[in-house]
Protein backbone atom coordinates (compact mmCIF):
# COMPACT_ATOMS: atom_id res chain seq x y z
CA UNK A 1 17.26 -12.53 -16.43
CA UNK A 2 15.36 -13.20 -12.93
CA UNK A 3 13.83 -10.07 -11.41
CA UNK A 4 13.20 -10.55 -7.33
CA UNK A 5 11.70 -7.44 -5.51
CA UNK A 6 13.06 -6.42 -2.51
CA UNK A 7 11.74 -5.10 0.97
CA UNK A 8 7.91 -5.20 0.91
CA UNK A 9 7.46 -4.98 -3.00
CA UNK A 10 5.77 -7.36 -5.10
CA UNK A 11 6.44 -8.19 -8.70
CA UNK A 12 3.25 -8.52 -10.77
CA UNK A 13 2.51 -9.37 -14.30
CA UNK A 14 -0.01 -7.53 -15.90
CA UNK A 15 -3.23 -9.15 -17.60
CA UNK A 16 -3.53 -8.65 -21.15
CA UNK A 17 -6.54 -6.56 -21.53
CA UNK A 18 -8.55 -6.92 -24.57
CA UNK A 19 -9.13 -4.58 -27.43
CA UNK A 20 -12.33 -2.48 -27.42
CA UNK A 21 -13.73 -1.23 -30.16
CA UNK A 22 -16.36 1.62 -30.48
CA UNK A 23 -19.69 1.17 -32.42
CA UNK A 24 -18.13 3.29 -35.62
CA UNK A 25 -15.26 0.70 -35.58
CA UNK A 26 -12.58 2.79 -33.85
CA UNK A 27 -10.04 0.87 -31.47
CA UNK A 28 -9.94 2.52 -28.08
CA UNK A 29 -6.79 2.50 -26.20
CA UNK A 30 -6.79 0.91 -22.37
CA UNK A 31 -6.54 4.91 -21.31
CA UNK A 32 -9.62 5.22 -22.97
CA UNK A 33 -11.52 2.55 -20.67
CA UNK A 34 -11.03 4.86 -17.45
CA UNK A 35 -10.55 1.98 -15.19
CA UNK A 36 -8.84 3.28 -12.05
CA UNK A 37 -7.30 -0.05 -11.35
CA UNK A 38 -5.47 -2.94 -13.14
CA UNK A 39 -5.24 -6.63 -12.41
CA UNK A 40 -2.07 -8.74 -12.24
CA UNK A 41 -0.73 -12.13 -11.21
CA UNK A 42 1.79 -12.31 -8.71
CA UNK A 43 5.34 -13.76 -9.62
CA UNK A 44 7.52 -12.76 -6.89
CA UNK A 45 7.29 -11.23 -3.41
CA UNK A 46 9.81 -9.48 -1.40
CA UNK A 47 11.36 -11.18 1.99
CA UNK A 48 9.62 -8.48 4.28
CA UNK A 49 6.14 -8.11 2.85
CA UNK A 50 3.74 -8.73 5.82
CA UNK A 51 0.47 -9.16 2.95
CA UNK A 52 -0.53 -12.77 2.86
CA UNK A 53 -0.06 -13.25 -1.02
CA UNK A 54 1.77 -15.84 -2.47
CA UNK A 55 3.01 -16.65 -6.52
CA UNK A 56 0.14 -17.26 -8.63
CA UNK A 57 -2.24 -14.76 -6.71
CA UNK A 58 -4.23 -12.30 -8.86
CA UNK A 59 -4.57 -8.69 -7.25
CA UNK A 60 -6.10 -5.44 -8.05
CA UNK A 61 -3.96 -2.41 -7.95
CA UNK A 62 -4.16 1.27 -8.66
CA UNK A 63 -3.69 2.27 -12.31
CA UNK A 64 -1.06 5.09 -11.25
CA UNK A 65 0.94 2.88 -8.79
CA UNK A 66 4.25 1.39 -8.57
CA UNK A 67 7.04 0.89 -11.26
CA UNK A 68 6.31 -0.14 -15.17
CA UNK A 69 8.71 -2.31 -16.69
CA UNK A 70 8.61 -4.85 -19.61
CA UNK A 71 10.17 -8.01 -19.24
CA UNK A 72 10.00 -10.88 -22.03
CA UNK A 73 7.29 -8.73 -24.01
CA UNK A 74 5.12 -8.92 -20.57
CA UNK A 75 4.03 -5.90 -19.15
CA UNK A 76 4.88 -5.99 -15.37
CA UNK A 77 4.89 -3.81 -12.46
CA UNK A 78 7.06 -3.40 -8.99
CA UNK A 79 4.54 -2.32 -6.43
CA UNK A 80 4.76 -1.74 -2.57
CA UNK A 81 2.86 -4.77 -0.63
CA UNK A 82 0.66 -1.89 0.68
CA UNK A 83 -0.42 -0.43 -2.48
CA UNK A 84 -2.53 -3.76 -3.27
CA UNK A 85 -6.20 -3.21 -3.14
CA UNK A 86 -7.48 -6.50 -3.29
CA UNK A 87 -7.02 -10.17 -4.02
CA UNK A 88 -9.26 -11.60 -6.96
CA UNK A 89 -10.58 -14.83 -5.57
CA UNK A 90 -11.66 -17.00 -8.73
CA UNK A 91 -15.22 -18.76 -8.15
CA UNK A 92 -15.54 -22.66 -8.83
């Protein structure tokens, strides 16, 4: 199965978050980290998207934005292009 977003939507593969452990040895879930944004890699871009992102770019999106889905054991999200907050540039 291949997923391609329609309109001005973007398909993201969310970055795998590392598990955090408290000083007492308790494993903290992702929701306990209180991050307000998610980081994901662009897998596909809808044809009507006016934002200049392309496949392979890493972007930041709001934690509660978009449609969540799981495909091939990967966490993914379909978001509106306008909801993307930033492109993450890797320093070289």
